[in-house]
Structures are given as C-alpha cells and as structure tokens.
Amino acid sequence: MAHNRILTRDRFLFWSQMLRRPARIVALSPSSTRLADAMAAGVVPGAGPVIELGVGTGKITEALLRRGVDERDLHLFEINAQFASFLRRRFVHATIHEAPAQTLT
C-alpha cells in the first residue's frame, strides 16, 4: 500500500512539474521500471560512489537500489526544487545536490 502511494505521488509530482515548467522537464513521461532497470544494469554495486544526473522523481535511483547499490553511495543531482525535496524525503541516506550537473567537480 505504501509503495502505491509513492507511485501516485511520483506521477502526480512529475506531471504537475511538467505542466508548470515544460521547458525544464526533458522527459515526456516518468521512466518505466523496465527502462530504469536497464539503465542500472551496468552499475557494479560496491564499486564506489554513483552519481546520477537529472534524477527527477527517482525511478532510476530505485533501480540502483534494487541492483544492490548502497543508498549512502548515491550522489543525486537535481535542479528542480520540488523534485529535490521529494528525493530528500524518499532517499534519506543519499546525498542530494540541488544543483545543475555543471557544478559537479
């Protein structure tokens, strides 16, 4: 039941941001679980920090966690303040950077 509430909030947040800031949201829809798993497939758990750019609502982040990546190894970059706030509540042990990818050093 809690998982369904997260999915509903995830979709609502995505679509509300798409309507409010269409030029800032580059995806046409949230990533599917299948796509997210395919994106995470090449990541080796325990190999060190994982940096994700343009996290959105965290579908690929979820896949990284399913793959076995420790949440503390995640560095998530998201410029949308609403998405970043959502991510902070959802992935409490990850490091959330509310900043563009250009700030990555």
PDB file of N, CA and C in Angstrom:
ATOM      1  N   MET A   1       0.822  -1.196   0.000  1.00  0.00           N
ATOM      2  CA  MET A   1       0.000   0.000   0.000  1.00  0.00           C
ATOM      3  C   MET A   1       0.868   1.264   0.000  1.00  0.00           C
ATOM      4  N   ALA A   2       1.913   1.296   0.837  1.00  0.00           N
ATOM      5  CA  ALA A   2       2.794   2.461   0.880  1.00  0.00           C
ATOM      6  C   ALA A   2       3.498   2.650  -0.455  1.00  0.00           C
ATOM      7  N   HIS A   3       3.874   1.540  -1.104  1.00  0.00           N
ATOM      8  CA  HIS A   3       4.533   1.613  -2.414  1.00  0.00           C
ATOM      9  C   HIS A   3       3.606   2.267  -3.442  1.00  0.00           C
ATOM     10  N   ASN A   4       2.311   1.931  -3.406  1.00  0.00           N
ATOM     11  CA  ASN A   4       1.345   2.534  -4.337  1.00  0.00           C
ATOM     12  C   ASN A   4       1.193   4.030  -4.094  1.00  0.00           C
ATOM     13  N   ARG A   5       1.240   4.450  -2.814  1.00  0.00           N
ATOM     14  CA  ARG A   5       1.158   5.888  -2.515  1.00  0.00           C
ATOM     15  C   ARG A   5       2.365   6.621  -3.077  1.00  0.00           C
ATOM     16  N   ILE A   6       3.545   6.016  -2.986  1.00  0.00           N
ATOM     17  CA  ILE A   6       4.757   6.633  -3.538  1.00  0.00           C
ATOM     18  C   ILE A   6       4.622   6.749  -5.049  1.00  0.00           C
ATOM     19  N   LEU A   7       4.139   5.702  -5.706  1.00  0.00           N
ATOM     20  CA  LEU A   7       3.960   5.764  -7.158  1.00  0.00           C
ATOM     21  C   LEU A   7       2.983   6.852  -7.549  1.00  0.00           C
ATOM     22  N   THR A   8       1.906   6.992  -6.811  1.00  0.00           N
ATOM     23  CA  THR A   8       0.921   8.022  -7.103  1.00  0.00           C
ATOM     24  C   THR A   8       1.525   9.406  -6.909  1.00  0.00           C
ATOM     25  N   ARG A   9       2.242   9.615  -5.806  1.00  0.00           N
ATOM     26  CA  ARG A   9       2.890  10.911  -5.564  1.00  0.00           C
ATOM     27  C   ARG A   9       3.946  11.180  -6.626  1.00  0.00           C
ATOM     28  N   ASP A  10       4.685  10.143  -6.997  1.00  0.00           N
ATOM     29  CA  ASP A  10       5.716  10.230  -8.022  1.00  0.00           C
ATOM     30  C   ASP A  10       5.113  10.750  -9.323  1.00  0.00           C
ATOM     31  N   ARG A  11       4.060  10.124  -9.778  1.00  0.00           N
ATOM     32  CA  ARG A  11       3.407  10.530 -11.042  1.00  0.00           C
ATOM     33  C   ARG A  11       2.784  11.916 -10.938  1.00  0.00           C
ATOM     34  N   PHE A  12       2.096  12.181  -9.832  1.00  0.00           N
ATOM     35  CA  PHE A  12       1.479  13.495  -9.644  1.00  0.00           C
ATOM     36  C   PHE A  12       2.542  14.593  -9.683  1.00  0.00           C
ATOM     37  N   LEU A  13       3.642  14.397  -8.963  1.00  0.00           N
ATOM     38  CA  LEU A  13       4.715  15.387  -8.937  1.00  0.00           C
ATOM     39  C   LEU A  13       5.291  15.580 -10.336  1.00  0.00           C
ATOM     40  N   PHE A  14       5.560  14.491 -11.041  1.00  0.00           N
ATOM     41  CA  PHE A  14       6.117  14.604 -12.386  1.00  0.00           C
ATOM     42  C   PHE A  14       5.192  15.425 -13.286  1.00  0.00           C
ATOM     43  N   TRP A  15       3.922  15.040 -13.328  1.00  0.00           N
ATOM     44  CA  TRP A  15       3.001  15.727 -14.244  1.00  0.00           C
ATOM     45  C   TRP A  15       2.742  17.170 -13.832  1.00  0.00           C
ATOM     46  N   SER A  16       2.701  17.455 -12.532  1.00  0.00           N
ATOM     47  CA  SER A  16       2.497  18.843 -12.105  1.00  0.00           C
ATOM     48  C   SER A  16       3.697  19.702 -12.497  1.00  0.00           C
ATOM     49  N   GLN A  17       4.904  19.151 -12.381  1.00  0.00           N
ATOM     50  CA  GLN A  17       6.091  19.909 -12.781  1.00  0.00           C
ATOM     51  C   GLN A  17       6.156  20.059 -14.301  1.00  0.00           C
ATOM     52  N   MET A  18       5.708  19.030 -15.020  1.00  0.00           N
ATOM     53  CA  MET A  18       5.674  19.097 -16.487  1.00  0.00           C
ATOM     54  C   MET A  18       4.739  20.219 -16.943  1.00  0.00           C
ATOM     55  N   LEU A  19       3.601  20.370 -16.276  1.00  0.00           N
ATOM     56  CA  LEU A  19       2.654  21.424 -16.636  1.00  0.00           C
ATOM     57  C   LEU A  19       3.159  22.806 -16.240  1.00  0.00           C
ATOM     58  N   ARG A  20       3.822  22.902 -15.088  1.00  0.00           N
ATOM     59  CA  ARG A  20       4.312  24.195 -14.605  1.00  0.00           C
ATOM     60  C   ARG A  20       5.591  24.650 -15.296  1.00  0.00           C
ATOM     61  N   ARG A  21       6.456  23.714 -15.612  1.00  0.00           N
ATOM     62  CA  ARG A  21       7.771  24.039 -16.174  1.00  0.00           C
ATOM     63  C   ARG A  21       8.094  23.148 -17.377  1.00  0.00           C
ATOM     64  N   PRO A  22       7.312  23.204 -18.422  1.00  0.00           N
ATOM     65  CA  PRO A  22       7.522  22.279 -19.540  1.00  0.00           C
ATOM     66  C   PRO A  22       8.895  22.393 -20.191  1.00  0.00           C
ATOM     67  N   ALA A  23       9.486  23.554 -20.186  1.00  0.00           N
ATOM     68  CA  ALA A  23      10.810  23.716 -20.799  1.00  0.00           C
ATOM     69  C   ALA A  23      11.923  23.130 -19.937  1.00  0.00           C
ATOM     70  N   ARG A  24      11.658  22.883 -18.650  1.00  0.00           N
ATOM     71  CA  ARG A  24      12.682  22.367 -17.733  1.00  0.00           C
ATOM     72  C   ARG A  24      12.601  20.859 -17.526  1.00  0.00           C
ATOM     73  N   ILE A  25      11.515  20.243 -17.967  1.00  0.00           N
ATOM     74  CA  ILE A  25      11.342  18.801 -17.821  1.00  0.00           C
ATOM     75  C   ILE A  25      11.576  18.190 -19.197  1.00  0.00           C
ATOM     76  N   VAL A  26      12.646  17.435 -19.347  1.00  0.00           N
ATOM     77  CA  VAL A  26      13.014  16.943 -20.673  1.00  0.00           C
ATOM     78  C   VAL A  26      12.411  15.584 -21.007  1.00  0.00           C
ATOM     79  N   ALA A  27      11.938  14.852 -20.021  1.00  0.00           N
ATOM     80  CA  ALA A  27      11.296  13.568 -20.284  1.00  0.00           C
ATOM     81  C   ALA A  27       9.831  13.794 -20.650  1.00  0.00           C
ATOM     82  N   LEU A  28       9.315  12.950 -21.520  1.00  0.00           N
ATOM     83  CA  LEU A  28       7.907  13.061 -21.891  1.00  0.00           C
ATOM     84  C   LEU A  28       7.006  12.344 -20.900  1.00  0.00           C
ATOM     85  N   SER A  29       7.583  11.429 -20.148  1.00  0.00           N
ATOM     86  CA  SER A  29       6.849  10.720 -19.098  1.00  0.00           C
ATOM     87  C   SER A  29       7.875  10.150 -18.122  1.00  0.00           C
ATOM     88  N   PRO A  30       7.439   9.752 -16.940  1.00  0.00           N
ATOM     89  CA  PRO A  30       8.379   9.150 -15.993  1.00  0.00           C
ATOM     90  C   PRO A  30       8.963   7.862 -16.577  1.00  0.00           C
ATOM     91  N   SER A  31      10.187   7.546 -16.214  1.00  0.00           N
ATOM     92  CA  SER A  31      10.825   6.311 -16.688  1.00  0.00           C
ATOM     93  C   SER A  31      10.054   5.099 -16.194  1.00  0.00           C
ATOM     94  N   SER A  32       9.993   4.089 -17.024  1.00  0.00           N
ATOM     95  CA  SER A  32       9.360   2.838 -16.613  1.00  0.00           C
ATOM     96  C   SER A  32      10.342   2.040 -15.756  1.00  0.00           C
ATOM     97  N   THR A  33       9.827   1.084 -15.026  1.00  0.00           N
ATOM     98  CA  THR A  33      10.681   0.212 -14.219  1.00  0.00           C
ATOM     99  C   THR A  33      11.633  -0.562 -15.124  1.00  0.00           C
ATOM    100  N   ARG A  34      11.145  -0.998 -16.254  1.00  0.00           N
ATOM    101  CA  ARG A  34      11.987  -1.752 -17.204  1.00  0.00           C
ATOM    102  C   ARG A  34      13.161  -0.909 -17.710  1.00  0.00           C
ATOM    103  N   LEU A  35      12.882   0.332 -18.093  1.00  0.00           N
ATOM    104  CA  LEU A  35      13.944   1.224 -18.547  1.00  0.00           C
ATOM    105  C   LEU A  35      14.930   1.501 -17.408  1.00  0.00           C
ATOM    106  N   ALA A  36      14.410   1.786 -16.223  1.00  0.00           N
ATOM    107  CA  ALA A  36      15.271   2.084 -15.074  1.00  0.00           C
ATOM    108  C   ALA A  36      16.185   0.911 -14.765  1.00  0.00           C
ATOM    109  N   ASP A  37      15.650  -0.311 -14.803  1.00  0.00           N
ATOM    110  CA  ASP A  37      16.473  -1.492 -14.550  1.00  0.00           C
ATOM    111  C   ASP A  37      17.550  -1.657 -15.615  1.00  0.00           C
ATOM    112  N   ALA A  38      17.209  -1.376 -16.864  1.00  0.00           N
ATOM    113  CA  ALA A  38      18.194  -1.458 -17.948  1.00  0.00           C
ATOM    114  C   ALA A  38      19.302  -0.424 -17.751  1.00  0.00           C
ATOM    115  N   MET A  39      18.945   0.778 -17.317  1.00  0.00           N
ATOM    116  CA  MET A  39      19.945   1.829 -17.076  1.00  0.00           C
ATOM    117  C   MET A  39      20.875   1.448 -15.931  1.00  0.00           C
ATOM    118  N   ALA A  40      20.346   0.794 -14.914  1.00  0.00           N
ATOM    119  CA  ALA A  40      21.137   0.437 -13.729  1.00  0.00           C
ATOM    120  C   ALA A  40      21.942  -0.844 -13.923  1.00  0.00           C
ATOM    121  N   ALA A  41      21.652  -1.597 -14.949  1.00  0.00           N
ATOM    122  CA  ALA A  41      22.269  -2.919 -15.136  1.00  0.00           C
ATOM    123  C   ALA A  41      23.795  -2.882 -15.215  1.00  0.00           C
ATOM    124  N   GLY A  42      24.352  -1.815 -15.722  1.00  0.00           N
ATOM    125  CA  GLY A  42      25.804  -1.738 -15.873  1.00  0.00           C
ATOM    126  C   GLY A  42      26.548  -1.262 -14.646  1.00  0.00           C
ATOM    127  N   VAL A  43      25.826  -0.928 -13.594  1.00  0.00           N
ATOM    128  CA  VAL A  43      26.459  -0.414 -12.376  1.00  0.00           C
ATOM    129  C   VAL A  43      26.866  -1.581 -11.485  1.00  0.00           C
ATOM    130  N   VAL A  44      28.101  -1.528 -10.991  1.00  0.00           N
ATOM    131  CA  VAL A  44      28.616  -2.573 -10.110  1.00  0.00           C
ATOM    132  C   VAL A  44      28.430  -2.133  -8.659  1.00  0.00           C
ATOM    133  N   PRO A  45      27.557  -2.817  -7.916  1.00  0.00           N
ATOM    134  CA  PRO A  45      27.368  -2.458  -6.505  1.00  0.00           C
ATOM    135  C   PRO A  45      28.673  -2.579  -5.725  1.00  0.00           C
ATOM    136  N   GLY A  46      28.912  -1.622  -4.851  1.00  0.00           N
ATOM    137  CA  GLY A  46      30.103  -1.644  -4.017  1.00  0.00           C
ATOM    138  C   GLY A  46      31.358  -1.110  -4.674  1.00  0.00           C
ATOM    139  N   ALA A  47      31.255  -0.660  -5.917  1.00  0.00           N
ATOM    140  CA  ALA A  47      32.431  -0.159  -6.637  1.00  0.00           C
ATOM    141  C   ALA A  47      32.773   1.280  -6.278  1.00  0.00           C
ATOM    142  N   GLY A  48      31.960   1.912  -5.459  1.00  0.00           N
ATOM    143  CA  GLY A  48      32.225   3.295  -5.065  1.00  0.00           C
ATOM    144  C   GLY A  48      31.016   4.164  -5.299  1.00  0.00           C
ATOM    145  N   PRO A  49      31.213   5.463  -5.203  1.00  0.00           N
ATOM    146  CA  PRO A  49      30.089   6.397  -5.355  1.00  0.00           C
ATOM    147  C   PRO A  49      29.441   6.292  -6.738  1.00  0.00           C
ATOM    148  N   VAL A  50      28.145   6.501  -6.773  1.00  0.00           N
ATOM    149  CA  VAL A  50      27.384   6.533  -8.016  1.00  0.00           C
ATOM    150  C   VAL A  50      26.754   7.918  -8.114  1.00  0.00           C
ATOM    151  N   ILE A  51      26.980   8.578  -9.241  1.00  0.00           N
ATOM    152  CA  ILE A  51      26.431   9.910  -9.469  1.00  0.00           C
ATOM    153  C   ILE A  51      25.317   9.789 -10.497  1.00  0.00           C
ATOM    154  N   GLU A  52      24.157  10.325 -10.150  1.00  0.00           N
ATOM    155  CA  GLU A  52      23.025  10.325 -11.064  1.00  0.00           C
ATOM    156  C   GLU A  52      22.655  11.778 -11.344  1.00  0.00           C
ATOM    157  N   LEU A  53      22.535  12.117 -12.612  1.00  0.00           N
ATOM    158  CA  LEU A  53      22.227  13.485 -13.023  1.00  0.00           C
ATOM    159  C   LEU A  53      20.795  13.559 -13.528  1.00  0.00           C
ATOM    160  N   GLY A  54      20.079  14.610 -13.120  1.00  0.00           N
ATOM    161  CA  GLY A  54      18.695  14.783 -13.569  1.00  0.00           C
ATOM    162  C   GLY A  54      17.803  13.676 -13.059  1.00  0.00           C
ATOM    163  N   VAL A  55      17.775  13.510 -11.774  1.00  0.00           N
ATOM    164  CA  VAL A  55      17.134  12.369 -11.122  1.00  0.00           C
ATOM    165  C   VAL A  55      15.614  12.366 -11.258  1.00  0.00           C
ATOM    166  N   GLY A  56      15.010  13.535 -11.335  1.00  0.00           N
ATOM    167  CA  GLY A  56      13.552  13.592 -11.415  1.00  0.00           C
ATOM    168  C   GLY A  56      12.934  13.051 -10.139  1.00  0.00           C
ATOM    169  N   THR A  57      12.055  12.073 -10.274  1.00  0.00           N
ATOM    170  CA  THR A  57      11.391  11.504  -9.100  1.00  0.00           C
ATOM    171  C   THR A  57      12.082  10.249  -8.574  1.00  0.00           C
ATOM    172  N   GLY A  58      13.167   9.815  -9.213  1.00  0.00           N
ATOM    173  CA  GLY A  58      13.975   8.740  -8.648  1.00  0.00           C
ATOM    174  C   GLY A  58      13.715   7.334  -9.144  1.00  0.00           C
ATOM    175  N   LYS A  59      13.141   7.175 -10.323  1.00  0.00           N
ATOM    176  CA  LYS A  59      12.893   5.828 -10.844  1.00  0.00           C
ATOM    177  C   LYS A  59      14.195   5.061 -11.071  1.00  0.00           C
ATOM    178  N   ILE A  60      15.206   5.708 -11.634  1.00  0.00           N
ATOM    179  CA  ILE A  60      16.484   5.027 -11.855  1.00  0.00           C
ATOM    180  C   ILE A  60      17.196   4.825 -10.520  1.00  0.00           C
ATOM    181  N   THR A  61      17.031   5.756  -9.604  1.00  0.00           N
ATOM    182  CA  THR A  61      17.590   5.606  -8.255  1.00  0.00           C
ATOM    183  C   THR A  61      17.044   4.346  -7.603  1.00  0.00           C
ATOM    184  N   GLU A  62      15.741   4.117  -7.719  1.00  0.00           N
ATOM    185  CA  GLU A  62      15.134   2.890  -7.185  1.00  0.00           C
ATOM    186  C   GLU A  62      15.787   1.655  -7.797  1.00  0.00           C
ATOM    187  N   ALA A  63      16.022   1.697  -9.105  1.00  0.00           N
ATOM    188  CA  ALA A  63      16.643   0.560  -9.799  1.00  0.00           C
ATOM    189  C   ALA A  63      18.071   0.332  -9.301  1.00  0.00           C
ATOM    190  N   LEU A  64      18.790   1.419  -9.041  1.00  0.00           N
ATOM    191  CA  LEU A  64      20.150   1.284  -8.499  1.00  0.00           C
ATOM    192  C   LEU A  64      20.113   0.591  -7.135  1.00  0.00           C
ATOM    193  N   LEU A  65      19.139   0.950  -6.329  1.00  0.00           N
ATOM    194  CA  LEU A  65      18.996   0.315  -5.013  1.00  0.00           C
ATOM    195  C   LEU A  65      18.628  -1.157  -5.169  1.00  0.00           C
ATOM    196  N   ARG A  66      17.726  -1.476  -6.100  1.00  0.00           N
ATOM    197  CA  ARG A  66      17.378  -2.886  -6.354  1.00  0.00           C
ATOM    198  C   ARG A  66      18.598  -3.662  -6.822  1.00  0.00           C
ATOM    199  N   ARG A  67      19.472  -2.986  -7.543  1.00  0.00           N
ATOM    200  CA  ARG A  67      20.693  -3.619  -8.073  1.00  0.00           C
ATOM    201  C   ARG A  67      21.678  -3.931  -6.954  1.00  0.00           C
ATOM    202  N   GLY A  68      21.516  -3.261  -5.803  1.00  0.00           N
ATOM    203  CA  GLY A  68      22.396  -3.533  -4.671  1.00  0.00           C
ATOM    204  C   GLY A  68      23.308  -2.388  -4.296  1.00  0.00           C
ATOM    205  N   VAL A  69      23.152  -1.248  -4.960  1.00  0.00           N
ATOM    206  CA  VAL A  69      23.949  -0.071  -4.611  1.00  0.00           C
ATOM    207  C   VAL A  69      23.508   0.424  -3.241  1.00  0.00           C
ATOM    208  N   ASP A  70      24.454   0.704  -2.372  1.00  0.00           N
ATOM    209  CA  ASP A  70      24.145   1.240  -1.045  1.00  0.00           C
ATOM    210  C   ASP A  70      23.658   2.680  -1.210  1.00  0.00           C
ATOM    211  N   GLU A  71      22.559   3.004  -0.560  1.00  0.00           N
ATOM    212  CA  GLU A  71      21.989   4.350  -0.674  1.00  0.00           C
ATOM    213  C   GLU A  71      22.999   5.426  -0.291  1.00  0.00           C
ATOM    214  N   ARG A  72      23.879   5.126   0.639  1.00  0.00           N
ATOM    215  CA  ARG A  72      24.885   6.108   1.065  1.00  0.00           C
ATOM    216  C   ARG A  72      25.918   6.407  -0.026  1.00  0.00           C
ATOM    217  N   ASP A  73      26.002   5.545  -1.033  1.00  0.00           N
ATOM    218  CA  ASP A  73      26.922   5.763  -2.154  1.00  0.00           C
ATOM    219  C   ASP A  73      26.315   6.622  -3.258  1.00  0.00           C
ATOM    220  N   LEU A  74      25.050   6.995  -3.113  1.00  0.00           N
ATOM    221  CA  LEU A  74      24.371   7.746  -4.160  1.00  0.00           C
ATOM    222  C   LEU A  74      24.545   9.255  -3.983  1.00  0.00           C
ATOM    223  N   HIS A  75      24.927   9.915  -5.065  1.00  0.00           N
ATOM    224  CA  HIS A  75      25.006  11.375  -5.138  1.00  0.00           C
ATOM    225  C   HIS A  75      24.062  11.779  -6.258  1.00  0.00           C
ATOM    226  N   LEU A  76      22.937  12.374  -5.875  1.00  0.00           N
ATOM    227  CA  LEU A  76      21.855  12.669  -6.804  1.00  0.00           C
ATOM    228  C   LEU A  76      21.797  14.161  -7.099  1.00  0.00           C
ATOM    229  N   PHE A  77      21.938  14.536  -8.359  1.00  0.00           N
ATOM    230  CA  PHE A  77      21.907  15.931  -8.789  1.00  0.00           C
ATOM    231  C   PHE A  77      20.566  16.222  -9.452  1.00  0.00           C
ATOM    232  N   GLU A  78      19.862  17.195  -8.898  1.00  0.00           N
ATOM    233  CA  GLU A  78      18.550  17.583  -9.433  1.00  0.00           C
ATOM    234  C   GLU A  78      18.372  19.089  -9.252  1.00  0.00           C
ATOM    235  N   ILE A  79      18.072  19.811 -10.345  1.00  0.00           N
ATOM    236  CA  ILE A  79      17.931  21.273 -10.250  1.00  0.00           C
ATOM    237  C   ILE A  79      16.516  21.709  -9.889  1.00  0.00           C
ATOM    238  N   ASN A  80      15.531  20.842 -10.077  1.00  0.00           N
ATOM    239  CA  ASN A  80      14.151  21.191  -9.757  1.00  0.00           C
ATOM    240  C   ASN A  80      13.949  21.076  -8.245  1.00  0.00           C
ATOM    241  N   ALA A  81      13.593  22.167  -7.607  1.00  0.00           N
ATOM    242  CA  ALA A  81      13.471  22.210  -6.142  1.00  0.00           C
ATOM    243  C   ALA A  81      12.413  21.239  -5.618  1.00  0.00           C
ATOM    244  N   GLN A  82      11.297  21.091  -6.332  1.00  0.00           N
ATOM    245  CA  GLN A  82      10.250  20.177  -5.880  1.00  0.00           C
ATOM    246  C   GLN A  82      10.710  18.727  -5.973  1.00  0.00           C
ATOM    247  N   PHE A  83      11.398  18.391  -7.060  1.00  0.00           N
ATOM    248  CA  PHE A  83      11.942  17.039  -7.187  1.00  0.00           C
ATOM    249  C   PHE A  83      12.986  16.791  -6.098  1.00  0.00           C
ATOM    250  N   ALA A  84      13.869  17.762  -5.868  1.00  0.00           N
ATOM    251  CA  ALA A  84      14.921  17.601  -4.856  1.00  0.00           C
ATOM    252  C   ALA A  84      14.322  17.382  -3.471  1.00  0.00           C
ATOM    253  N   SER A  85      13.277  18.113  -3.135  1.00  0.00           N
ATOM    254  CA  SER A  85      12.611  17.949  -1.849  1.00  0.00           C
ATOM    255  C   SER A  85      11.997  16.553  -1.733  1.00  0.00           C
ATOM    256  N   PHE A  86      11.359  16.100  -2.784  1.00  0.00           N
ATOM    257  CA  PHE A  86      10.776  14.756  -2.840  1.00  0.00           C
ATOM    258  C   PHE A  86      11.868  13.702  -2.636  1.00  0.00           C
ATOM    259  N   LEU A  87      13.001  13.881  -3.313  1.00  0.00           N
ATOM    260  CA  LEU A  87      14.106  12.929  -3.206  1.00  0.00           C
ATOM    261  C   LEU A  87      14.681  12.883  -1.796  1.00  0.00           C
ATOM    262  N   ARG A  88      14.773  14.026  -1.144  1.00  0.00           N
ATOM    263  CA  ARG A  88      15.299  14.063   0.236  1.00  0.00           C
ATOM    264  C   ARG A  88      14.425  13.243   1.190  1.00  0.00           C
ATOM    265  N   ARG A  89      13.125  13.294   0.981  1.00  0.00           N
ATOM    266  CA  ARG A  89      12.211  12.515   1.838  1.00  0.00           C
ATOM    267  C   ARG A  89      12.251  11.034   1.484  1.00  0.00           C
ATOM    268  N   ARG A  90      12.480  10.744   0.237  1.00  0.00           N
ATOM    269  CA  ARG A  90      12.421   9.363  -0.251  1.00  0.00           C
ATOM    270  C   ARG A  90      13.717   8.598  -0.059  1.00  0.00           C
ATOM    271  N   PHE A  91      14.845   9.256  -0.234  1.00  0.00           N
ATOM    272  CA  PHE A  91      16.163   8.612  -0.143  1.00  0.00           C
ATOM    273  C   PHE A  91      16.983   9.334   0.922  1.00  0.00           C
ATOM    274  N   VAL A  92      16.673   9.072   2.160  1.00  0.00           N
ATOM    275  CA  VAL A  92      17.220   9.851   3.272  1.00  0.00           C
ATOM    276  C   VAL A  92      18.714   9.656   3.481  1.00  0.00           C
ATOM    277  N   HIS A  93      19.281   8.563   3.000  1.00  0.00           N
ATOM    278  CA  HIS A  93      20.711   8.318   3.198  1.00  0.00           C
ATOM    279  C   HIS A  93      21.555   8.716   1.983  1.00  0.00           C
ATOM    280  N   ALA A  94      20.908   9.080   0.890  1.00  0.00           N
ATOM    281  CA  ALA A  94      21.639   9.541  -0.296  1.00  0.00           C
ATOM    282  C   ALA A  94      22.010  11.007  -0.116  1.00  0.00           C
ATOM    283  N   THR A  95      23.008  11.447  -0.846  1.00  0.00           N
ATOM    284  CA  THR A  95      23.377  12.857  -0.851  1.00  0.00           C
ATOM    285  C   THR A  95      22.666  13.518  -2.025  1.00  0.00           C
ATOM    286  N   ILE A  96      21.802  14.462  -1.708  1.00  0.00           N
ATOM    287  CA  ILE A  96      21.029  15.167  -2.739  1.00  0.00           C
ATOM    288  C   ILE A  96      21.683  16.520  -2.984  1.00  0.00           C
ATOM    289  N   HIS A  97      22.025  16.761  -4.240  1.00  0.00           N
ATOM    290  CA  HIS A  97      22.613  18.038  -4.638  1.00  0.00           C
ATOM    291  C   HIS A  97      21.561  18.789  -5.443  1.00  0.00           C
ATOM    292  N   GLU A  98      21.020  19.847  -4.871  1.00  0.00           N
ATOM    293  CA  GLU A  98      20.043  20.661  -5.604  1.00  0.00           C
ATOM    294  C   GLU A  98      20.834  21.659  -6.430  1.00  0.00           C
ATOM    295  N   ALA A  99      21.351  21.153  -7.531  1.00  0.00           N
ATOM    296  CA  ALA A  99      22.279  21.936  -8.349  1.00  0.00           C
ATOM    297  C   ALA A  99      22.354  21.326  -9.742  1.00  0.00           C
ATOM    298  N   PRO A 100      22.746  22.137 -10.736  1.00  0.00           N
ATOM    299  CA  PRO A 100      22.917  21.593 -12.078  1.00  0.00           C
ATOM    300  C   PRO A 100      24.174  20.721 -12.163  1.00  0.00           C
ATOM    301  N   ALA A 101      24.217  19.884 -13.167  1.00  0.00           N
ATOM    302  CA  ALA A 101      25.358  18.983 -13.357  1.00  0.00           C
ATOM    303  C   ALA A 101      26.673  19.738 -13.535  1.00  0.00           C
ATOM    304  N   GLN A 102      26.606  20.974 -14.019  1.00  0.00           N
ATOM    305  CA  GLN A 102      27.828  21.745 -14.247  1.00  0.00           C
ATOM    306  C   GLN A 102      28.598  22.015 -12.950  1.00  0.00           C
ATOM    307  N   THR A 103      27.927  21.898 -11.803  1.00  0.00           N
ATOM    308  CA  THR A 103      28.607  22.144 -10.530  1.00  0.00           C
ATOM    309  C   THR A 103      29.394  20.929 -10.053  1.00  0.00           C
ATOM    310  N   LEU A 104      29.248  19.814 -10.734  1.00  0.00           N
ATOM    311  CA  LEU A 104      29.970  18.589 -10.381  1.00  0.00           C
ATOM    312  C   LEU A 104      31.466  18.805 -10.559  1.00  0.00           C
ATOM    313  N   THR A 105      32.216  18.590  -9.498  1.00  0.00           N
ATOM    314  CA  THR A 105      33.683  18.753  -9.594  1.00  0.00           C
ATOM    315  C   THR A 105      34.407  17.532  -9.091  1.00  0.00           C
TER     316      THR A 105
END
